[in-house]
Amino acid sequence: AFSHLDANDVLNAMSRQQDPEPLFAAGRGGLRLLHLYGDADQQLDNVV
């Protein structure tokens, strides 16, 4: 599946500008969240 993407595809997938404030506002407004992660994730420090 990953081999289907070239370098331009990878760049495009990561390129958009996002403002997290509407997400935070939805959370403050009561939008429910389930946050699942493992303590042995090699890629991400999910505590962040």
All heavy atoms as atom14 arrays in JSON, in Angstrom:
{
  "sequence": "AFSHLDANDVLNAMSRQQDPEPLFAAGRGGLRLLHLYGDADQQLDNVV",
  "atom14_mask": [
    [1, 1, 1, 1, 1, 0, 0, 0, 0, 0, 0, 0, 0, 0],
    [1, 1, 1, 1, 1, 1, 1, 1, 1, 1, 1, 0, 0, 0],
    [1, 1, 1, 1, 1, 1, 0, 0, 0, 0, 0, 0, 0, 0],
    [1, 1, 1, 1, 1, 1, 1, 1, 1, 1, 0, 0, 0, 0],
    [1, 1, 1, 1, 1, 1, 1, 1, 0, 0, 0, 0, 0, 0],
    [1, 1, 1, 1, 1, 1, 1, 1, 0, 0, 0, 0, 0, 0],
    [1, 1, 1, 1, 1, 0, 0, 0, 0, 0, 0, 0, 0, 0],
    [1, 1, 1, 1, 1, 1, 1, 1, 0, 0, 0, 0, 0, 0],
    [1, 1, 1, 1, 1, 1, 1, 1, 0, 0, 0, 0, 0, 0],
    [1, 1, 1, 1, 1, 1, 1, 0, 0, 0, 0, 0, 0, 0],
    [1, 1, 1, 1, 1, 1, 1, 1, 0, 0, 0, 0, 0, 0],
    [1, 1, 1, 1, 1, 1, 1, 1, 0, 0, 0, 0, 0, 0],
    [1, 1, 1, 1, 1, 0, 0, 0, 0, 0, 0, 0, 0, 0],
    [1, 1, 1, 1, 1, 1, 1, 1, 0, 0, 0, 0, 0, 0],
    [1, 1, 1, 1, 1, 1, 0, 0, 0, 0, 0, 0, 0, 0],
    [1, 1, 1, 1, 1, 1, 1, 1, 1, 1, 1, 0, 0, 0],
    [1, 1, 1, 1, 1, 1, 1, 1, 1, 0, 0, 0, 0, 0],
    [1, 1, 1, 1, 1, 1, 1, 1, 1, 0, 0, 0, 0, 0],
    [1, 1, 1, 1, 1, 1, 1, 1, 0, 0, 0, 0, 0, 0],
    [1, 1, 1, 1, 1, 1, 1, 0, 0, 0, 0, 0, 0, 0],
    [1, 1, 1, 1, 1, 1, 1, 1, 1, 0, 0, 0, 0, 0],
    [1, 1, 1, 1, 1, 1, 1, 0, 0, 0, 0, 0, 0, 0],
    [1, 1, 1, 1, 1, 1, 1, 1, 0, 0, 0, 0, 0, 0],
    [1, 1, 1, 1, 1, 1, 1, 1, 1, 1, 1, 0, 0, 0],
    [1, 1, 1, 1, 1, 0, 0, 0, 0, 0, 0, 0, 0, 0],
    [1, 1, 1, 1, 1, 0, 0, 0, 0, 0, 0, 0, 0, 0],
    [1, 1, 1, 1, 0, 0, 0, 0, 0, 0, 0, 0, 0, 0],
    [1, 1, 1, 1, 1, 1, 1, 1, 1, 1, 1, 0, 0, 0],
    [1, 1, 1, 1, 0, 0, 0, 0, 0, 0, 0, 0, 0, 0],
    [1, 1, 1, 1, 0, 0, 0, 0, 0, 0, 0, 0, 0, 0],
    [1, 1, 1, 1, 1, 1, 1, 1, 0, 0, 0, 0, 0, 0],
    [1, 1, 1, 1, 1, 1, 1, 1, 1, 1, 1, 0, 0, 0],
    [1, 1, 1, 1, 1, 1, 1, 1, 0, 0, 0, 0, 0, 0],
    [1, 1, 1, 1, 1, 1, 1, 1, 0, 0, 0, 0, 0, 0],
    [1, 1, 1, 1, 1, 1, 1, 1, 1, 1, 0, 0, 0, 0],
    [1, 1, 1, 1, 1, 1, 1, 1, 0, 0, 0, 0, 0, 0],
    [1, 1, 1, 1, 1, 1, 1, 1, 1, 1, 1, 1, 0, 0],
    [1, 1, 1, 1, 0, 0, 0, 0, 0, 0, 0, 0, 0, 0],
    [1, 1, 1, 1, 1, 1, 1, 1, 0, 0, 0, 0, 0, 0],
    [1, 1, 1, 1, 1, 0, 0, 0, 0, 0, 0, 0, 0, 0],
    [1, 1, 1, 1, 1, 1, 1, 1, 0, 0, 0, 0, 0, 0],
    [1, 1, 1, 1, 1, 1, 1, 1, 1, 0, 0, 0, 0, 0],
    [1, 1, 1, 1, 1, 1, 1, 1, 1, 0, 0, 0, 0, 0],
    [1, 1, 1, 1, 1, 1, 1, 1, 0, 0, 0, 0, 0, 0],
    [1, 1, 1, 1, 1, 1, 1, 1, 0, 0, 0, 0, 0, 0],
    [1, 1, 1, 1, 1, 1, 1, 1, 0, 0, 0, 0, 0, 0],
    [1, 1, 1, 1, 1, 1, 1, 0, 0, 0, 0, 0, 0, 0],
    [1, 1, 1, 1, 1, 1, 1, 0, 0, 0, 0, 0, 0, 0]
  ],
  "atom14_positions": [
    [[0.83, -1.21, 0.0], [0.0, 0.0, 0.0], [0.86, 1.25, 0.0], [0.58, 2.21, -0.73], [-0.93, -0.01, 1.22], [0.0, 0.0, 0.0], [0.0, 0.0, 0.0], [0.0, 0.0, 0.0], [0.0, 0.0, 0.0], [0.0, 0.0, 0.0], [0.0, 0.0, 0.0], [0.0, 0.0, 0.0], [0.0, 0.0, 0.0], [0.0, 0.0, 0.0]],
    [[1.93, 1.25, 0.79], [2.81, 2.43, 0.86], [3.61, 2.59, -0.42], [3.91, 3.71, -0.86], [3.74, 2.33, 2.07], [4.18, 3.67, 2.61], [4.56, 3.8, 3.94], [4.23, 4.8, 1.8], [4.96, 5.03, 4.46], [4.63, 6.03, 2.31], [5.0, 6.14, 3.63], [0.0, 0.0, 0.0], [0.0, 0.0, 0.0], [0.0, 0.0, 0.0]],
    [[3.96, 1.49, -1.06], [4.73, 1.55, -2.31], [3.93, 2.21, -3.43], [4.5, 2.64, -4.44], [5.15, 0.14, -2.73], [5.96, -0.46, -1.74], [0.0, 0.0, 0.0], [0.0, 0.0, 0.0], [0.0, 0.0, 0.0], [0.0, 0.0, 0.0], [0.0, 0.0, 0.0], [0.0, 0.0, 0.0], [0.0, 0.0, 0.0], [0.0, 0.0, 0.0]],
    [[2.63, 2.32, -3.25], [1.76, 2.96, -4.23], [1.97, 4.47, -4.26], [1.63, 5.14, -5.23], [0.31, 2.63, -3.88], [-0.71, 3.16, -4.83], [-0.84, 2.69, -6.12], [-1.66, 4.12, -4.69], [-1.83, 3.33, -6.72], [-2.34, 4.21, -5.88], [0.0, 0.0, 0.0], [0.0, 0.0, 0.0], [0.0, 0.0, 0.0], [0.0, 0.0, 0.0]],
    [[2.55, 5.04, -3.19], [2.75, 6.48, -3.08], [4.16, 6.88, -3.49], [5.13, 6.24, -3.06], [2.53, 6.96, -1.63], [1.09, 7.27, -1.19], [0.27, 5.99, -1.09], [1.09, 8.0, 0.14], [0.0, 0.0, 0.0], [0.0, 0.0, 0.0], [0.0, 0.0, 0.0], [0.0, 0.0, 0.0], [0.0, 0.0, 0.0], [0.0, 0.0, 0.0]],
    [[4.27, 7.94, -4.3], [5.59, 8.47, -4.61], [5.9, 9.62, -3.65], [5.1, 9.96, -2.76], [5.69, 8.9, -6.07], [4.69, 10.0, -6.44], [4.24, 10.75, -5.54], [4.37, 10.13, -7.64], [0.0, 0.0, 0.0], [0.0, 0.0, 0.0], [0.0, 0.0, 0.0], [0.0, 0.0, 0.0], [0.0, 0.0, 0.0], [0.0, 0.0, 0.0]],
    [[7.06, 10.24, -3.82], [7.49, 11.31, -2.91], [6.51, 12.47, -2.9], [6.23, 13.05, -1.84], [8.88, 11.79, -3.3], [0.0, 0.0, 0.0], [0.0, 0.0, 0.0], [0.0, 0.0, 0.0], [0.0, 0.0, 0.0], [0.0, 0.0, 0.0], [0.0, 0.0, 0.0], [0.0, 0.0, 0.0], [0.0, 0.0, 0.0], [0.0, 0.0, 0.0]],
    [[5.96, 12.82, -4.06], [5.01, 13.93, -4.14], [3.73, 13.63, -3.37], [3.17, 14.5, -2.69], [4.68, 14.24, -5.6], [3.91, 15.53, -5.77], [4.4, 16.59, -5.38], [2.72, 15.46, -6.34], [0.0, 0.0, 0.0], [0.0, 0.0, 0.0], [0.0, 0.0, 0.0], [0.0, 0.0, 0.0], [0.0, 0.0, 0.0], [0.0, 0.0, 0.0]],
    [[3.27, 12.38, -3.44], [2.08, 11.98, -2.68], [2.31, 12.13, -1.19], [1.43, 12.59, -0.45], [1.72, 10.52, -2.99], [1.28, 10.31, -4.43], [0.66, 11.23, -5.01], [1.56, 9.23, -4.97], [0.0, 0.0, 0.0], [0.0, 0.0, 0.0], [0.0, 0.0, 0.0], [0.0, 0.0, 0.0], [0.0, 0.0, 0.0], [0.0, 0.0, 0.0]],
    [[3.49, 11.72, -0.72], [3.81, 11.82, 0.7], [3.82, 13.29, 1.14], [3.24, 13.65, 2.18], [5.16, 11.15, 1.02], [5.55, 11.39, 2.48], [5.1, 9.65, 0.72], [0.0, 0.0, 0.0], [0.0, 0.0, 0.0], [0.0, 0.0, 0.0], [0.0, 0.0, 0.0], [0.0, 0.0, 0.0], [0.0, 0.0, 0.0], [0.0, 0.0, 0.0]],
    [[4.46, 14.14, 0.34], [4.51, 15.56, 0.66], [3.12, 16.18, 0.69], [2.78, 16.95, 1.6], [5.39, 16.3, -0.35], [6.9, 16.08, -0.22], [7.62, 16.66, -1.43], [7.43, 16.71, 1.06], [0.0, 0.0, 0.0], [0.0, 0.0, 0.0], [0.0, 0.0, 0.0], [0.0, 0.0, 0.0], [0.0, 0.0, 0.0], [0.0, 0.0, 0.0]],
    [[2.29, 15.84, -0.28], [0.94, 16.39, -0.33], [0.1, 15.96, 0.87], [-0.67, 16.76, 1.42], [0.24, 15.97, -1.63], [0.72, 16.74, -2.84], [1.22, 17.87, -2.71], [0.6, 16.16, -4.01], [0.0, 0.0, 0.0], [0.0, 0.0, 0.0], [0.0, 0.0, 0.0], [0.0, 0.0, 0.0], [0.0, 0.0, 0.0], [0.0, 0.0, 0.0]],
    [[0.27, 14.72, 1.27], [-0.51, 14.21, 2.4], [-0.19, 14.93, 3.7], [-1.02, 14.99, 4.62], [-0.26, 12.71, 2.57], [0.0, 0.0, 0.0], [0.0, 0.0, 0.0], [0.0, 0.0, 0.0], [0.0, 0.0, 0.0], [0.0, 0.0, 0.0], [0.0, 0.0, 0.0], [0.0, 0.0, 0.0], [0.0, 0.0, 0.0], [0.0, 0.0, 0.0]],
    [[1.01, 15.5, 3.77], [1.47, 16.16, 5.0], [1.51, 17.68, 4.89], [2.03, 18.35, 5.78], [2.88, 15.67, 5.34], [3.04, 14.17, 5.49], [2.34, 13.56, 7.02], [3.46, 14.29, 8.2], [0.0, 0.0, 0.0], [0.0, 0.0, 0.0], [0.0, 0.0, 0.0], [0.0, 0.0, 0.0], [0.0, 0.0, 0.0], [0.0, 0.0, 0.0]],
    [[0.94, 18.25, 3.83], [1.22, 19.65, 3.52], [0.19, 20.65, 4.03], [0.5, 21.84, 4.14], [1.33, 19.81, 1.99], [0.07, 19.58, 1.37], [0.0, 0.0, 0.0], [0.0, 0.0, 0.0], [0.0, 0.0, 0.0], [0.0, 0.0, 0.0], [0.0, 0.0, 0.0], [0.0, 0.0, 0.0], [0.0, 0.0, 0.0], [0.0, 0.0, 0.0]],
    [[-1.02, 20.23, 4.32], [-2.07, 21.21, 4.57], [-1.88, 21.97, 5.89], [-1.37, 21.42, 6.85], [-3.46, 20.56, 4.52], [-3.79, 19.59, 5.64], [-5.07, 18.84, 5.27], [-5.58, 17.98, 6.32], [-5.13, 16.75, 6.55], [-4.13, 16.26, 5.82], [-5.67, 16.01, 7.51], [0.0, 0.0, 0.0], [0.0, 0.0, 0.0], [0.0, 0.0, 0.0]],
    [[-2.33, 23.2, 5.91], [-2.3, 24.0, 7.12], [-3.54, 23.72, 7.94], [-4.65, 23.69, 7.41], [-2.22, 25.49, 6.77], [-0.93, 25.9, 6.07], [-0.86, 27.39, 5.81], [-1.86, 28.09, 5.85], [0.34, 27.87, 5.54], [0.0, 0.0, 0.0], [0.0, 0.0, 0.0], [0.0, 0.0, 0.0], [0.0, 0.0, 0.0], [0.0, 0.0, 0.0]],
    [[-3.35, 23.52, 9.22], [-4.47, 23.24, 10.11], [-4.38, 24.11, 11.36], [-3.3, 24.27, 11.94], [-4.49, 21.76, 10.53], [-4.82, 20.8, 9.39], [-4.96, 19.37, 9.91], [-4.03, 18.8, 10.44], [-6.15, 18.82, 9.73], [0.0, 0.0, 0.0], [0.0, 0.0, 0.0], [0.0, 0.0, 0.0], [0.0, 0.0, 0.0], [0.0, 0.0, 0.0]],
    [[-5.51, 24.63, 11.79], [-5.62, 25.38, 13.03], [-6.3, 24.47, 14.05], [-7.46, 24.09, 13.85], [-6.45, 26.64, 12.8], [-6.68, 27.44, 14.08], [-6.09, 27.08, 15.12], [-7.45, 28.43, 14.03], [0.0, 0.0, 0.0], [0.0, 0.0, 0.0], [0.0, 0.0, 0.0], [0.0, 0.0, 0.0], [0.0, 0.0, 0.0], [0.0, 0.0, 0.0]],
    [[-5.61, 24.1, 15.14], [-6.21, 23.17, 16.1], [-7.29, 23.79, 16.98], [-8.0, 23.06, 17.68], [-5.01, 22.74, 16.94], [-4.08, 23.9, 16.89], [-4.22, 24.47, 15.51], [0.0, 0.0, 0.0], [0.0, 0.0, 0.0], [0.0, 0.0, 0.0], [0.0, 0.0, 0.0], [0.0, 0.0, 0.0], [0.0, 0.0, 0.0], [0.0, 0.0, 0.0]],
    [[-7.46, 25.11, 16.96], [-8.39, 25.74, 17.89], [-9.83, 25.24, 17.75], [-10.5, 25.01, 18.78], [-8.34, 27.26, 17.75], [-9.26, 28.01, 18.7], [-9.1, 27.59, 20.16], [-7.96, 27.31, 20.59], [-10.12, 27.53, 20.87], [0.0, 0.0, 0.0], [0.0, 0.0, 0.0], [0.0, 0.0, 0.0], [0.0, 0.0, 0.0], [0.0, 0.0, 0.0]],
    [[-10.37, 25.04, 16.53], [-11.73, 24.49, 16.44], [-11.84, 23.09, 17.07], [-12.89, 22.76, 17.63], [-12.0, 24.45, 14.93], [-11.14, 25.54, 14.38], [-9.88, 25.49, 15.2], [0.0, 0.0, 0.0], [0.0, 0.0, 0.0], [0.0, 0.0, 0.0], [0.0, 0.0, 0.0], [0.0, 0.0, 0.0], [0.0, 0.0, 0.0], [0.0, 0.0, 0.0]],
    [[-10.79, 22.3, 16.98], [-10.77, 21.0, 17.63], [-10.82, 21.18, 19.15], [-11.62, 20.53, 19.84], [-9.52, 20.22, 17.24], [-9.27, 18.89, 17.97], [-10.28, 17.84, 17.53], [-7.84, 18.4, 17.72], [0.0, 0.0, 0.0], [0.0, 0.0, 0.0], [0.0, 0.0, 0.0], [0.0, 0.0, 0.0], [0.0, 0.0, 0.0], [0.0, 0.0, 0.0]],
    [[-9.98, 22.07, 19.66], [-9.96, 22.32, 21.1], [-11.32, 22.86, 21.57], [-11.82, 22.46, 22.64], [-8.87, 23.32, 21.46], [-7.47, 22.88, 21.11], [-6.45, 23.81, 21.02], [-7.18, 21.54, 20.87], [-5.15, 23.42, 20.7], [-5.89, 21.14, 20.55], [-4.87, 22.08, 20.47], [0.0, 0.0, 0.0], [0.0, 0.0, 0.0], [0.0, 0.0, 0.0]],
    [[-11.9, 23.75, 20.79], [-13.19, 24.33, 21.16], [-14.28, 23.27, 21.2], [-15.14, 23.29, 22.1], [-13.56, 25.44, 20.17], [0.0, 0.0, 0.0], [0.0, 0.0, 0.0], [0.0, 0.0, 0.0], [0.0, 0.0, 0.0], [0.0, 0.0, 0.0], [0.0, 0.0, 0.0], [0.0, 0.0, 0.0], [0.0, 0.0, 0.0], [0.0, 0.0, 0.0]],
    [[-14.24, 22.35, 20.24], [-15.22, 21.25, 20.24], [-15.06, 20.4, 21.49], [-16.04, 19.96, 22.11], [-15.06, 20.4, 18.99], [0.0, 0.0, 0.0], [0.0, 0.0, 0.0], [0.0, 0.0, 0.0], [0.0, 0.0, 0.0], [0.0, 0.0, 0.0], [0.0, 0.0, 0.0], [0.0, 0.0, 0.0], [0.0, 0.0, 0.0], [0.0, 0.0, 0.0]],
    [[-13.8, 20.16, 21.9], [-13.54, 19.4, 23.11], [-14.05, 20.12, 24.35], [-14.67, 19.51, 25.23], [0.0, 0.0, 0.0], [0.0, 0.0, 0.0], [0.0, 0.0, 0.0], [0.0, 0.0, 0.0], [0.0, 0.0, 0.0], [0.0, 0.0, 0.0], [0.0, 0.0, 0.0], [0.0, 0.0, 0.0], [0.0, 0.0, 0.0], [0.0, 0.0, 0.0]],
    [[-13.82, 21.42, 24.42], [-14.32, 22.2, 25.55], [-15.84, 22.25, 25.56], [-16.47, 22.41, 26.62], [-13.74, 23.62, 25.5], [-12.24, 23.7, 25.75], [-11.78, 25.13, 25.96], [-11.94, 25.95, 24.76], [-11.0, 26.14, 23.86], [-9.8, 25.56, 24.0], [-11.21, 26.92, 22.81], [0.0, 0.0, 0.0], [0.0, 0.0, 0.0], [0.0, 0.0, 0.0]],
    [[-16.43, 22.11, 24.36], [-17.88, 22.14, 24.25], [-18.56, 20.81, 24.51], [-19.79, 20.72, 24.44], [0.0, 0.0, 0.0], [0.0, 0.0, 0.0], [0.0, 0.0, 0.0], [0.0, 0.0, 0.0], [0.0, 0.0, 0.0], [0.0, 0.0, 0.0], [0.0, 0.0, 0.0], [0.0, 0.0, 0.0], [0.0, 0.0, 0.0], [0.0, 0.0, 0.0]],
    [[-17.76, 19.77, 24.78], [-18.35, 18.48, 25.15], [-18.2, 17.37, 24.15], [-18.69, 16.25, 24.4], [0.0, 0.0, 0.0], [0.0, 0.0, 0.0], [0.0, 0.0, 0.0], [0.0, 0.0, 0.0], [0.0, 0.0, 0.0], [0.0, 0.0, 0.0], [0.0, 0.0, 0.0], [0.0, 0.0, 0.0], [0.0, 0.0, 0.0], [0.0, 0.0, 0.0]],
    [[-17.55, 17.61, 23.01], [-17.32, 16.52, 22.06], [-16.56, 15.41, 22.76], [-15.52, 15.64, 23.39], [-16.53, 17.01, 20.84], [-16.21, 15.95, 19.77], [-17.48, 15.44, 19.11], [-15.24, 16.51, 18.73], [0.0, 0.0, 0.0], [0.0, 0.0, 0.0], [0.0, 0.0, 0.0], [0.0, 0.0, 0.0], [0.0, 0.0, 0.0], [0.0, 0.0, 0.0]],
    [[-17.04, 14.2, 22.64], [-16.45, 13.07, 23.34], [-15.17, 12.6, 22.65], [-15.07, 12.62, 21.43], [-17.45, 11.92, 23.45], [-18.71, 12.29, 24.21], [-19.72, 11.16, 24.19], [-19.2, 9.99, 24.86], [-19.33, 8.74, 24.42], [-19.96, 8.49, 23.29], [-18.82, 7.72, 25.1], [0.0, 0.0, 0.0], [0.0, 0.0, 0.0], [0.0, 0.0, 0.0]],
    [[-14.21, 12.15, 23.46], [-12.93, 11.66, 22.94], [-12.52, 10.39, 23.66], [-12.54, 10.32, 24.89], [-11.83, 12.72, 23.15], [-10.4, 12.29, 22.79], [-10.24, 12.09, 21.29], [-9.37, 13.3, 23.31], [0.0, 0.0, 0.0], [0.0, 0.0, 0.0], [0.0, 0.0, 0.0], [0.0, 0.0, 0.0], [0.0, 0.0, 0.0], [0.0, 0.0, 0.0]],
    [[-12.14, 9.4, 22.86], [-11.47, 8.2, 23.37], [-10.07, 8.2, 22.8], [-9.88, 8.19, 21.58], [-12.21, 6.92, 22.93], [-11.53, 5.59, 23.29], [-11.4, 5.42, 24.8], [-12.3, 4.42, 22.68], [0.0, 0.0, 0.0], [0.0, 0.0, 0.0], [0.0, 0.0, 0.0], [0.0, 0.0, 0.0], [0.0, 0.0, 0.0], [0.0, 0.0, 0.0]],
    [[-9.07, 8.25, 23.67], [-7.67, 8.32, 23.25], [-6.97, 7.03, 23.63], [-6.76, 6.75, 24.81], [-7.0, 9.53, 23.91], [-5.6, 9.76, 23.47], [-4.73, 10.63, 24.09], [-4.87, 9.23, 22.43], [-3.58, 10.63, 23.48], [-3.63, 9.78, 22.48], [0.0, 0.0, 0.0], [0.0, 0.0, 0.0], [0.0, 0.0, 0.0], [0.0, 0.0, 0.0]],
    [[-6.62, 6.24, 22.63], [-5.98, 4.94, 22.83], [-4.55, 5.0, 22.3], [-4.31, 5.44, 21.17], [-6.73, 3.84, 22.08], [-8.22, 3.65, 22.37], [-8.83, 2.65, 21.39], [-8.42, 3.17, 23.79], [0.0, 0.0, 0.0], [0.0, 0.0, 0.0], [0.0, 0.0, 0.0], [0.0, 0.0, 0.0], [0.0, 0.0, 0.0], [0.0, 0.0, 0.0]],
    [[-3.61, 4.54, 23.12], [-2.24, 4.42, 22.63], [-1.47, 3.4, 23.47], [-1.9, 3.03, 24.56], [-1.52, 5.77, 22.59], [-1.22, 6.43, 23.92], [-0.04, 6.17, 24.61], [-2.09, 7.36, 24.47], [0.27, 6.8, 25.81], [-1.8, 8.01, 25.67], [-0.62, 7.72, 26.33], [-0.32, 8.35, 27.51], [0.0, 0.0, 0.0], [0.0, 0.0, 0.0]],
    [[-0.34, 2.95, 22.93], [0.5, 1.99, 23.62], [1.75, 2.64, 24.17], [2.22, 3.65, 23.62], [0.0, 0.0, 0.0], [0.0, 0.0, 0.0], [0.0, 0.0, 0.0], [0.0, 0.0, 0.0], [0.0, 0.0, 0.0], [0.0, 0.0, 0.0], [0.0, 0.0, 0.0], [0.0, 0.0, 0.0], [0.0, 0.0, 0.0], [0.0, 0.0, 0.0]],
    [[2.3, 2.06, 25.21], [3.5, 2.65, 25.82], [4.79, 2.18, 25.14], [5.88, 2.54, 25.57], [3.55, 2.36, 27.32], [3.7, 0.88, 27.65], [3.78, 0.05, 26.72], [3.74, 0.54, 28.85], [0.0, 0.0, 0.0], [0.0, 0.0, 0.0], [0.0, 0.0, 0.0], [0.0, 0.0, 0.0], [0.0, 0.0, 0.0], [0.0, 0.0, 0.0]],
    [[4.65, 1.4, 24.05], [5.83, 0.93, 23.32], [5.76, 1.33, 21.85], [6.3, 0.65, 20.97], [5.97, -0.58, 23.46], [0.0, 0.0, 0.0], [0.0, 0.0, 0.0], [0.0, 0.0, 0.0], [0.0, 0.0, 0.0], [0.0, 0.0, 0.0], [0.0, 0.0, 0.0], [0.0, 0.0, 0.0], [0.0, 0.0, 0.0], [0.0, 0.0, 0.0]],
    [[5.11, 2.46, 21.57], [5.0, 2.99, 20.21], [6.38, 3.46, 19.75], [7.0, 4.31, 20.38], [4.01, 4.15, 20.21], [3.62, 4.63, 18.81], [4.47, 4.57, 17.9], [2.47, 5.06, 18.64], [0.0, 0.0, 0.0], [0.0, 0.0, 0.0], [0.0, 0.0, 0.0], [0.0, 0.0, 0.0], [0.0, 0.0, 0.0], [0.0, 0.0, 0.0]],
    [[6.86, 2.91, 18.63], [8.18, 3.29, 18.12], [8.18, 4.62, 17.39], [9.22, 5.25, 17.26], [8.69, 2.21, 17.16], [8.93, 0.85, 17.79], [9.47, -0.14, 16.77], [10.48, 0.11, 16.11], [8.81, -1.28, 16.63], [0.0, 0.0, 0.0], [0.0, 0.0, 0.0], [0.0, 0.0, 0.0], [0.0, 0.0, 0.0], [0.0, 0.0, 0.0]],
    [[7.01, 5.07, 16.92], [6.95, 6.27, 16.1], [6.59, 7.53, 16.87], [7.16, 8.59, 16.62], [5.94, 6.08, 14.95], [6.37, 5.07, 13.91], [5.53, 5.17, 12.66], [4.63, 6.01, 12.53], [5.81, 4.3, 11.7], [0.0, 0.0, 0.0], [0.0, 0.0, 0.0], [0.0, 0.0, 0.0], [0.0, 0.0, 0.0], [0.0, 0.0, 0.0]],
    [[5.63, 7.44, 17.78], [5.09, 8.63, 18.43], [5.21, 8.58, 19.94], [5.01, 7.53, 20.56], [3.6, 8.81, 18.06], [3.26, 8.96, 16.58], [1.76, 9.17, 16.42], [4.03, 10.09, 15.93], [0.0, 0.0, 0.0], [0.0, 0.0, 0.0], [0.0, 0.0, 0.0], [0.0, 0.0, 0.0], [0.0, 0.0, 0.0], [0.0, 0.0, 0.0]],
    [[5.49, 9.73, 20.53], [5.43, 9.91, 21.97], [4.02, 10.41, 22.3], [3.76, 11.61, 22.38], [6.48, 10.93, 22.42], [6.5, 11.14, 23.92], [5.69, 10.49, 24.63], [7.28, 11.97, 24.4], [0.0, 0.0, 0.0], [0.0, 0.0, 0.0], [0.0, 0.0, 0.0], [0.0, 0.0, 0.0], [0.0, 0.0, 0.0], [0.0, 0.0, 0.0]],
    [[3.11, 9.5, 22.46], [1.69, 9.83, 22.55], [1.32, 10.62, 23.8], [0.24, 11.22, 23.85], [0.87, 8.54, 22.49], [0.96, 7.85, 21.16], [0.33, 8.23, 20.19], [1.8, 6.81, 21.08], [0.0, 0.0, 0.0], [0.0, 0.0, 0.0], [0.0, 0.0, 0.0], [0.0, 0.0, 0.0], [0.0, 0.0, 0.0], [0.0, 0.0, 0.0]],
    [[2.2, 10.66, 24.79], [1.95, 11.49, 25.97], [1.83, 12.96, 25.55], [1.1, 13.73, 26.17], [3.07, 11.3, 27.01], [2.91, 12.26, 28.17], [3.1, 9.86, 27.52], [0.0, 0.0, 0.0], [0.0, 0.0, 0.0], [0.0, 0.0, 0.0], [0.0, 0.0, 0.0], [0.0, 0.0, 0.0], [0.0, 0.0, 0.0], [0.0, 0.0, 0.0]],
    [[2.51, 13.35, 24.48], [2.45, 14.72, 23.98], [1.02, 15.06, 23.58], [0.53, 16.17, 23.87], [3.41, 14.9, 22.79], [3.2, 16.26, 22.13], [4.85, 14.73, 23.24], [0.0, 0.0, 0.0], [0.0, 0.0, 0.0], [0.0, 0.0, 0.0], [0.0, 0.0, 0.0], [0.0, 0.0, 0.0], [0.0, 0.0, 0.0], [0.0, 0.0, 0.0]]
  ]
}
